[in-house]
């Protein structure tokens, strides 16, 4: 049952990305282009996602287990530190350059186009580089 539920959630998320247009880099870049031909439509998608997420987190905070019986593990760290700020900046710069973020890029892999494949390889290499550097700095 957990695998089916995860698959169903992933499919619903993927369909939402397609319907909202977030899988189209030109649409995303149009949203980020405040000085040019700005397309505010993805802002509405984000507001909807934040509203739905806020409701879900409010409910989750009051429950020890999910509706399927799994333990709910919410983040407890509320500290804004350099790692969070730098990571957010890197994510934003990458999003602005490519017009893709990890979720839409994963959905876009199914189109067979080169850009999402290159993005995804770069994403994996970046995560690997982070893990390698993180281990070296902590040792």
N, C-alpha and C. Protein backbone atom coordinates (compact mmCIF):
# COMPACT_ATOMS: atom_id res chain seq x y z
N UNK A 1 0.80 -1.21 0.00
CA UNK A 1 0.00 0.00 0.00
C UNK A 1 0.85 1.27 0.00
N UNK A 2 1.98 1.35 0.77
CA UNK A 2 2.77 2.58 0.77
C UNK A 2 3.32 2.91 -0.63
N UNK A 3 3.73 1.90 -1.39
CA UNK A 3 4.25 2.16 -2.73
C UNK A 3 3.16 2.71 -3.64
N UNK A 4 1.97 2.16 -3.56
CA UNK A 4 0.87 2.65 -4.38
C UNK A 4 0.52 4.09 -4.01
N UNK A 5 0.49 4.38 -2.72
CA UNK A 5 0.17 5.72 -2.27
C UNK A 5 1.23 6.72 -2.74
N UNK A 6 2.51 6.32 -2.65
CA UNK A 6 3.59 7.19 -3.13
C UNK A 6 3.48 7.40 -4.63
N UNK A 7 3.18 6.35 -5.37
CA UNK A 7 3.01 6.47 -6.82
C UNK A 7 1.85 7.40 -7.16
N UNK A 8 0.74 7.22 -6.48
CA UNK A 8 -0.43 8.06 -6.72
C UNK A 8 -0.12 9.53 -6.41
N UNK A 9 0.55 9.79 -5.30
CA UNK A 9 0.92 11.17 -4.94
C UNK A 9 1.86 11.75 -6.00
N UNK A 10 2.81 10.96 -6.48
CA UNK A 10 3.73 11.42 -7.51
C UNK A 10 3.03 11.74 -8.82
N UNK A 11 2.08 10.89 -9.20
CA UNK A 11 1.33 11.13 -10.43
C UNK A 11 0.49 12.41 -10.30
N UNK A 12 -0.17 12.59 -9.17
CA UNK A 12 -0.97 13.79 -8.95
C UNK A 12 -0.07 15.03 -9.00
N UNK A 13 1.09 14.96 -8.37
CA UNK A 13 2.04 16.07 -8.38
C UNK A 13 2.50 16.36 -9.81
N UNK A 14 2.85 15.31 -10.55
CA UNK A 14 3.29 15.47 -11.93
C UNK A 14 2.22 16.08 -12.82
N UNK A 15 0.99 15.63 -12.66
CA UNK A 15 -0.12 16.20 -13.44
C UNK A 15 -0.29 17.68 -13.09
N UNK A 16 -0.16 18.00 -11.82
CA UNK A 16 -0.26 19.40 -11.40
C UNK A 16 0.83 20.26 -12.03
N UNK A 17 2.05 19.72 -12.13
CA UNK A 17 3.14 20.45 -12.77
C UNK A 17 2.86 20.68 -14.25
N UNK A 18 2.30 19.67 -14.91
CA UNK A 18 1.99 19.80 -16.34
C UNK A 18 0.86 20.82 -16.54
N UNK A 19 -0.21 20.68 -15.76
CA UNK A 19 -1.37 21.57 -15.91
C UNK A 19 -0.98 23.03 -15.61
N UNK A 20 -0.14 23.24 -14.61
CA UNK A 20 0.25 24.60 -14.24
C UNK A 20 1.24 25.22 -15.21
N UNK A 21 1.88 24.39 -16.02
CA UNK A 21 2.88 24.89 -16.97
C UNK A 21 4.28 24.97 -16.41
N UNK A 22 4.48 24.48 -15.19
CA UNK A 22 5.80 24.57 -14.58
C UNK A 22 6.84 23.68 -15.25
N UNK A 23 6.43 22.78 -16.12
CA UNK A 23 7.41 21.94 -16.81
C UNK A 23 7.96 22.63 -18.07
N UNK A 24 7.41 23.80 -18.40
CA UNK A 24 7.84 24.51 -19.58
C UNK A 24 8.81 25.62 -19.18
N UNK A 25 10.11 25.45 -19.47
CA UNK A 25 11.09 26.46 -19.06
C UNK A 25 10.74 27.88 -19.52
N UNK A 26 10.17 28.03 -20.72
CA UNK A 26 9.82 29.37 -21.20
C UNK A 26 8.78 30.02 -20.30
N UNK A 27 7.85 29.24 -19.79
CA UNK A 27 6.81 29.75 -18.89
C UNK A 27 7.44 30.20 -17.57
N UNK A 28 8.35 29.38 -17.05
CA UNK A 28 9.02 29.70 -15.79
C UNK A 28 9.88 30.95 -15.96
N UNK A 29 10.64 31.00 -17.05
CA UNK A 29 11.50 32.17 -17.28
C UNK A 29 10.66 33.42 -17.50
N UNK A 30 9.47 33.28 -18.10
CA UNK A 30 8.56 34.41 -18.24
C UNK A 30 8.09 34.92 -16.89
N UNK A 31 7.90 34.02 -15.94
CA UNK A 31 7.51 34.41 -14.59
C UNK A 31 8.65 35.14 -13.89
N UNK A 32 9.89 34.69 -14.13
CA UNK A 32 11.05 35.28 -13.46
C UNK A 32 11.52 36.58 -14.12
N UNK A 33 11.05 36.87 -15.33
CA UNK A 33 11.48 38.05 -16.08
C UNK A 33 10.65 39.27 -15.68
N UNK A 34 10.96 39.85 -14.54
CA UNK A 34 10.19 40.98 -14.03
C UNK A 34 10.40 42.25 -14.86
N UNK A 35 11.53 42.36 -15.53
CA UNK A 35 11.83 43.58 -16.29
C UNK A 35 11.37 43.48 -17.74
N UNK A 36 10.97 42.31 -18.19
CA UNK A 36 10.57 42.13 -19.58
C UNK A 36 9.09 41.83 -19.71
N UNK A 37 8.78 40.75 -20.38
CA UNK A 37 7.38 40.32 -20.58
C UNK A 37 6.98 39.39 -19.44
N UNK A 38 6.68 39.98 -18.30
CA UNK A 38 6.40 39.20 -17.09
C UNK A 38 5.08 38.45 -17.22
N UNK A 39 5.13 37.15 -16.86
CA UNK A 39 3.94 36.30 -16.86
C UNK A 39 3.64 35.93 -15.41
N UNK A 40 2.66 36.58 -14.76
CA UNK A 40 2.41 36.35 -13.34
C UNK A 40 1.64 35.07 -13.02
N UNK A 41 1.27 34.29 -14.03
CA UNK A 41 0.38 33.15 -13.78
C UNK A 41 0.98 32.11 -12.84
N UNK A 42 2.30 31.90 -12.88
CA UNK A 42 2.88 30.93 -11.96
C UNK A 42 2.84 31.42 -10.51
N UNK A 43 2.73 32.72 -10.32
CA UNK A 43 2.55 33.26 -8.97
C UNK A 43 1.27 32.75 -8.35
N UNK A 44 0.22 32.65 -9.14
CA UNK A 44 -1.04 32.11 -8.64
C UNK A 44 -0.89 30.63 -8.28
N UNK A 45 -0.13 29.91 -9.08
CA UNK A 45 0.13 28.50 -8.79
C UNK A 45 0.86 28.39 -7.46
N UNK A 46 1.86 29.25 -7.26
CA UNK A 46 2.63 29.21 -6.01
C UNK A 46 1.77 29.58 -4.81
N UNK A 47 0.92 30.58 -4.95
CA UNK A 47 0.03 30.97 -3.86
C UNK A 47 -0.89 29.79 -3.50
N UNK A 48 -1.42 29.13 -4.52
CA UNK A 48 -2.27 27.95 -4.28
C UNK A 48 -1.51 26.83 -3.58
N UNK A 49 -0.26 26.61 -4.00
CA UNK A 49 0.55 25.56 -3.39
C UNK A 49 0.88 25.90 -1.93
N UNK A 50 1.19 27.16 -1.68
CA UNK A 50 1.50 27.59 -0.31
C UNK A 50 0.26 27.44 0.57
N UNK A 51 -0.90 27.81 0.05
CA UNK A 51 -2.14 27.69 0.83
C UNK A 51 -2.43 26.22 1.15
N UNK A 52 -2.34 25.36 0.14
CA UNK A 52 -2.60 23.93 0.37
C UNK A 52 -1.58 23.34 1.32
N UNK A 53 -0.31 23.71 1.15
CA UNK A 53 0.74 23.20 2.04
C UNK A 53 0.55 23.68 3.47
N UNK A 54 0.15 24.93 3.64
CA UNK A 54 -0.07 25.48 4.99
C UNK A 54 -1.18 24.72 5.71
N UNK A 55 -2.24 24.43 4.99
CA UNK A 55 -3.34 23.67 5.59
C UNK A 55 -2.87 22.26 5.96
N UNK A 56 -2.15 21.62 5.04
CA UNK A 56 -1.66 20.26 5.30
C UNK A 56 -0.72 20.22 6.50
N UNK A 57 0.19 21.20 6.60
CA UNK A 57 1.12 21.22 7.73
C UNK A 57 0.39 21.52 9.03
N UNK A 58 -0.61 22.38 9.00
CA UNK A 58 -1.38 22.69 10.20
C UNK A 58 -2.08 21.43 10.72
N UNK A 59 -2.62 20.65 9.82
CA UNK A 59 -3.27 19.38 10.21
C UNK A 59 -2.24 18.39 10.71
N UNK A 60 -1.10 18.30 10.00
CA UNK A 60 -0.06 17.32 10.36
C UNK A 60 0.53 17.59 11.73
N UNK A 61 0.66 18.87 12.09
CA UNK A 61 1.23 19.21 13.40
C UNK A 61 0.40 18.67 14.56
N UNK A 62 -0.88 18.46 14.31
CA UNK A 62 -1.79 18.01 15.37
C UNK A 62 -1.92 16.49 15.43
N UNK A 63 -1.26 15.79 14.52
CA UNK A 63 -1.43 14.34 14.44
C UNK A 63 -0.09 13.62 14.60
N UNK A 64 -0.06 12.53 15.31
CA UNK A 64 1.19 11.76 15.41
C UNK A 64 1.40 10.84 14.20
N UNK A 65 0.28 10.48 13.52
CA UNK A 65 0.36 9.55 12.39
C UNK A 65 -0.49 10.06 11.22
N UNK A 66 -0.08 9.64 10.03
CA UNK A 66 -0.83 10.01 8.83
C UNK A 66 -2.11 9.18 8.75
N UNK A 67 -2.95 9.50 7.77
CA UNK A 67 -4.20 8.74 7.58
C UNK A 67 -3.91 7.28 7.24
N UNK A 68 -2.72 7.00 6.70
CA UNK A 68 -2.34 5.62 6.37
C UNK A 68 -1.59 4.93 7.51
N UNK A 69 -1.42 5.64 8.63
CA UNK A 69 -0.79 5.03 9.79
C UNK A 69 0.71 5.24 9.90
N UNK A 70 1.30 6.03 9.02
CA UNK A 70 2.74 6.27 9.08
C UNK A 70 3.05 7.41 10.04
N UNK A 71 4.21 7.33 10.69
CA UNK A 71 4.64 8.39 11.60
C UNK A 71 4.88 9.67 10.80
N UNK A 72 4.40 10.79 11.32
CA UNK A 72 4.61 12.08 10.67
C UNK A 72 5.87 12.69 11.26
N UNK A 73 6.85 12.96 10.39
CA UNK A 73 8.12 13.54 10.83
C UNK A 73 8.26 14.93 10.21
N UNK A 74 7.98 15.95 10.98
CA UNK A 74 8.08 17.33 10.52
C UNK A 74 9.42 17.92 10.94
N UNK A 75 9.97 18.82 10.13
CA UNK A 75 11.24 19.44 10.52
C UNK A 75 11.07 20.27 11.80
N UNK A 76 12.09 20.26 12.62
CA UNK A 76 12.05 21.00 13.87
C UNK A 76 12.97 22.22 13.86
N UNK A 77 13.96 22.22 12.98
CA UNK A 77 14.92 23.32 12.91
C UNK A 77 14.27 24.53 12.24
N UNK A 78 14.23 25.64 12.95
CA UNK A 78 13.66 26.88 12.41
C UNK A 78 14.73 27.94 12.21
N UNK A 79 15.99 27.54 12.34
CA UNK A 79 17.10 28.49 12.25
C UNK A 79 17.42 28.80 10.79
N UNK A 80 17.57 30.09 10.49
CA UNK A 80 18.03 30.52 9.17
C UNK A 80 19.53 30.75 9.28
N UNK A 81 20.30 29.87 8.64
CA UNK A 81 21.75 29.97 8.72
C UNK A 81 22.34 30.14 7.32
N UNK A 82 23.67 30.23 7.26
CA UNK A 82 24.36 30.47 5.99
C UNK A 82 24.10 29.34 4.99
N UNK A 83 24.07 28.11 5.46
CA UNK A 83 23.82 26.98 4.55
C UNK A 83 22.46 27.10 3.87
N UNK A 84 21.45 27.50 4.63
CA UNK A 84 20.11 27.65 4.07
C UNK A 84 20.08 28.79 3.06
N UNK A 85 20.68 29.92 3.41
CA UNK A 85 20.67 31.08 2.52
C UNK A 85 21.46 30.79 1.24
N UNK A 86 22.65 30.23 1.36
CA UNK A 86 23.47 29.93 0.18
C UNK A 86 22.77 28.87 -0.68
N UNK A 87 22.23 27.85 -0.06
CA UNK A 87 21.51 26.82 -0.82
C UNK A 87 20.31 27.39 -1.56
N UNK A 88 19.58 28.28 -0.91
CA UNK A 88 18.43 28.92 -1.55
C UNK A 88 18.86 29.78 -2.72
N UNK A 89 19.95 30.51 -2.55
CA UNK A 89 20.46 31.34 -3.64
C UNK A 89 20.91 30.49 -4.82
N UNK A 90 21.62 29.41 -4.55
CA UNK A 90 22.05 28.51 -5.63
C UNK A 90 20.86 27.90 -6.35
N UNK A 91 19.86 27.50 -5.59
CA UNK A 91 18.65 26.94 -6.20
C UNK A 91 17.99 27.99 -7.10
N UNK A 92 17.84 29.20 -6.60
CA UNK A 92 17.20 30.27 -7.37
C UNK A 92 17.97 30.62 -8.63
N UNK A 93 19.29 30.68 -8.54
CA UNK A 93 20.11 30.98 -9.72
C UNK A 93 19.97 29.86 -10.75
N UNK A 94 20.02 28.62 -10.29
CA UNK A 94 19.85 27.49 -11.20
C UNK A 94 18.48 27.48 -11.85
N UNK A 95 17.47 27.81 -11.08
CA UNK A 95 16.09 27.87 -11.59
C UNK A 95 15.99 28.96 -12.65
N UNK A 96 16.62 30.11 -12.37
CA UNK A 96 16.58 31.22 -13.31
C UNK A 96 17.36 30.96 -14.58
N UNK A 97 18.46 30.24 -14.50
CA UNK A 97 19.26 29.94 -15.69
C UNK A 97 18.56 28.90 -16.56
N UNK A 98 18.09 27.84 -15.95
CA UNK A 98 17.53 26.72 -16.71
C UNK A 98 16.02 26.82 -16.92
N UNK A 99 15.33 27.51 -16.04
CA UNK A 99 13.87 27.54 -16.13
C UNK A 99 13.25 26.24 -15.64
N UNK A 100 14.04 25.46 -14.94
CA UNK A 100 13.58 24.18 -14.40
C UNK A 100 14.01 24.05 -12.95
N UNK A 101 13.22 23.33 -12.16
CA UNK A 101 13.65 22.91 -10.84
C UNK A 101 13.47 21.39 -10.80
N UNK A 102 13.92 20.71 -9.76
CA UNK A 102 13.97 19.25 -9.79
C UNK A 102 12.66 18.53 -10.11
N UNK A 103 11.54 18.94 -9.54
CA UNK A 103 10.28 18.25 -9.82
C UNK A 103 9.89 18.31 -11.29
N UNK A 104 9.79 19.52 -11.85
CA UNK A 104 9.46 19.62 -13.27
C UNK A 104 10.50 18.95 -14.17
N UNK A 105 11.78 19.01 -13.80
CA UNK A 105 12.81 18.37 -14.62
C UNK A 105 12.58 16.85 -14.66
N UNK A 106 12.19 16.28 -13.55
CA UNK A 106 11.91 14.84 -13.51
C UNK A 106 10.72 14.50 -14.41
N UNK A 107 9.69 15.33 -14.37
CA UNK A 107 8.54 15.11 -15.25
C UNK A 107 8.97 15.29 -16.70
N UNK A 108 9.78 16.31 -16.96
CA UNK A 108 10.25 16.60 -18.32
C UNK A 108 11.13 15.50 -18.90
N UNK A 109 11.75 14.69 -18.06
CA UNK A 109 12.57 13.59 -18.57
C UNK A 109 11.74 12.67 -19.47
N UNK A 110 10.47 12.58 -19.18
CA UNK A 110 9.58 11.73 -19.97
C UNK A 110 9.32 12.25 -21.38
N UNK A 111 9.69 13.51 -21.66
CA UNK A 111 9.48 14.06 -23.00
C UNK A 111 10.56 13.65 -23.97
N UNK A 112 11.69 13.16 -23.46
CA UNK A 112 12.79 12.76 -24.32
C UNK A 112 13.63 13.92 -24.83
N UNK A 113 13.41 15.13 -24.32
CA UNK A 113 14.18 16.29 -24.76
C UNK A 113 15.54 16.32 -24.06
N UNK A 114 16.50 16.99 -24.70
CA UNK A 114 17.86 17.03 -24.18
C UNK A 114 18.00 17.93 -22.94
N UNK A 115 17.34 19.10 -22.93
CA UNK A 115 17.51 20.07 -21.84
C UNK A 115 17.21 19.47 -20.46
N UNK A 116 16.07 18.78 -20.28
CA UNK A 116 15.82 18.22 -18.95
C UNK A 116 16.84 17.13 -18.58
N UNK A 117 17.32 16.39 -19.57
CA UNK A 117 18.31 15.34 -19.28
C UNK A 117 19.62 15.97 -18.81
N UNK A 118 20.05 17.03 -19.50
CA UNK A 118 21.28 17.72 -19.10
C UNK A 118 21.11 18.34 -17.72
N UNK A 119 19.95 18.97 -17.50
CA UNK A 119 19.66 19.57 -16.19
C UNK A 119 19.72 18.51 -15.10
N UNK A 120 19.11 17.36 -15.36
CA UNK A 120 19.06 16.32 -14.33
C UNK A 120 20.45 15.75 -14.04
N UNK A 121 21.27 15.57 -15.07
CA UNK A 121 22.65 15.11 -14.86
C UNK A 121 23.41 16.15 -14.04
N UNK A 122 23.26 17.44 -14.38
CA UNK A 122 23.91 18.50 -13.62
C UNK A 122 23.42 18.53 -12.18
N UNK A 123 22.13 18.29 -11.98
CA UNK A 123 21.55 18.24 -10.64
C UNK A 123 22.20 17.13 -9.82
N UNK A 124 22.31 15.96 -10.41
CA UNK A 124 22.92 14.83 -9.71
C UNK A 124 24.39 15.09 -9.41
N UNK A 125 25.11 15.67 -10.38
CA UNK A 125 26.51 16.00 -10.14
C UNK A 125 26.65 17.04 -9.04
N UNK A 126 25.78 18.05 -9.03
CA UNK A 126 25.81 19.07 -7.98
C UNK A 126 25.54 18.49 -6.60
N UNK A 127 24.57 17.58 -6.53
CA UNK A 127 24.28 16.94 -5.24
C UNK A 127 25.45 16.08 -4.79
N UNK A 128 26.08 15.39 -5.73
CA UNK A 128 27.25 14.58 -5.40
C UNK A 128 28.41 15.45 -4.93
N UNK A 129 28.64 16.57 -5.62
CA UNK A 129 29.69 17.50 -5.22
C UNK A 129 29.43 18.05 -3.83
N UNK A 130 28.18 18.40 -3.53
CA UNK A 130 27.84 18.89 -2.20
C UNK A 130 28.15 17.83 -1.14
N UNK A 131 27.74 16.60 -1.37
CA UNK A 131 27.98 15.53 -0.39
C UNK A 131 29.47 15.32 -0.18
N UNK A 132 30.24 15.34 -1.26
CA UNK A 132 31.69 15.15 -1.17
C UNK A 132 32.32 16.29 -0.37
N UNK A 133 31.97 17.54 -0.71
CA UNK A 133 32.52 18.68 0.02
C UNK A 133 32.07 18.68 1.48
N UNK A 134 30.83 18.34 1.72
CA UNK A 134 30.30 18.32 3.08
C UNK A 134 31.05 17.32 3.95
N UNK A 135 31.33 16.14 3.39
CA UNK A 135 32.09 15.13 4.14
C UNK A 135 33.51 15.60 4.42
N UNK A 136 34.14 16.24 3.44
CA UNK A 136 35.51 16.71 3.61
C UNK A 136 35.60 17.83 4.65
N UNK A 137 34.61 18.72 4.65
CA UNK A 137 34.63 19.84 5.58
C UNK A 137 34.34 19.41 7.00
N UNK A 138 33.56 18.35 7.16
CA UNK A 138 33.22 17.86 8.50
C UNK A 138 34.28 16.93 9.08
N UNK A 139 35.16 16.43 8.23
CA UNK A 139 36.18 15.47 8.69
C UNK A 139 37.33 16.16 9.35
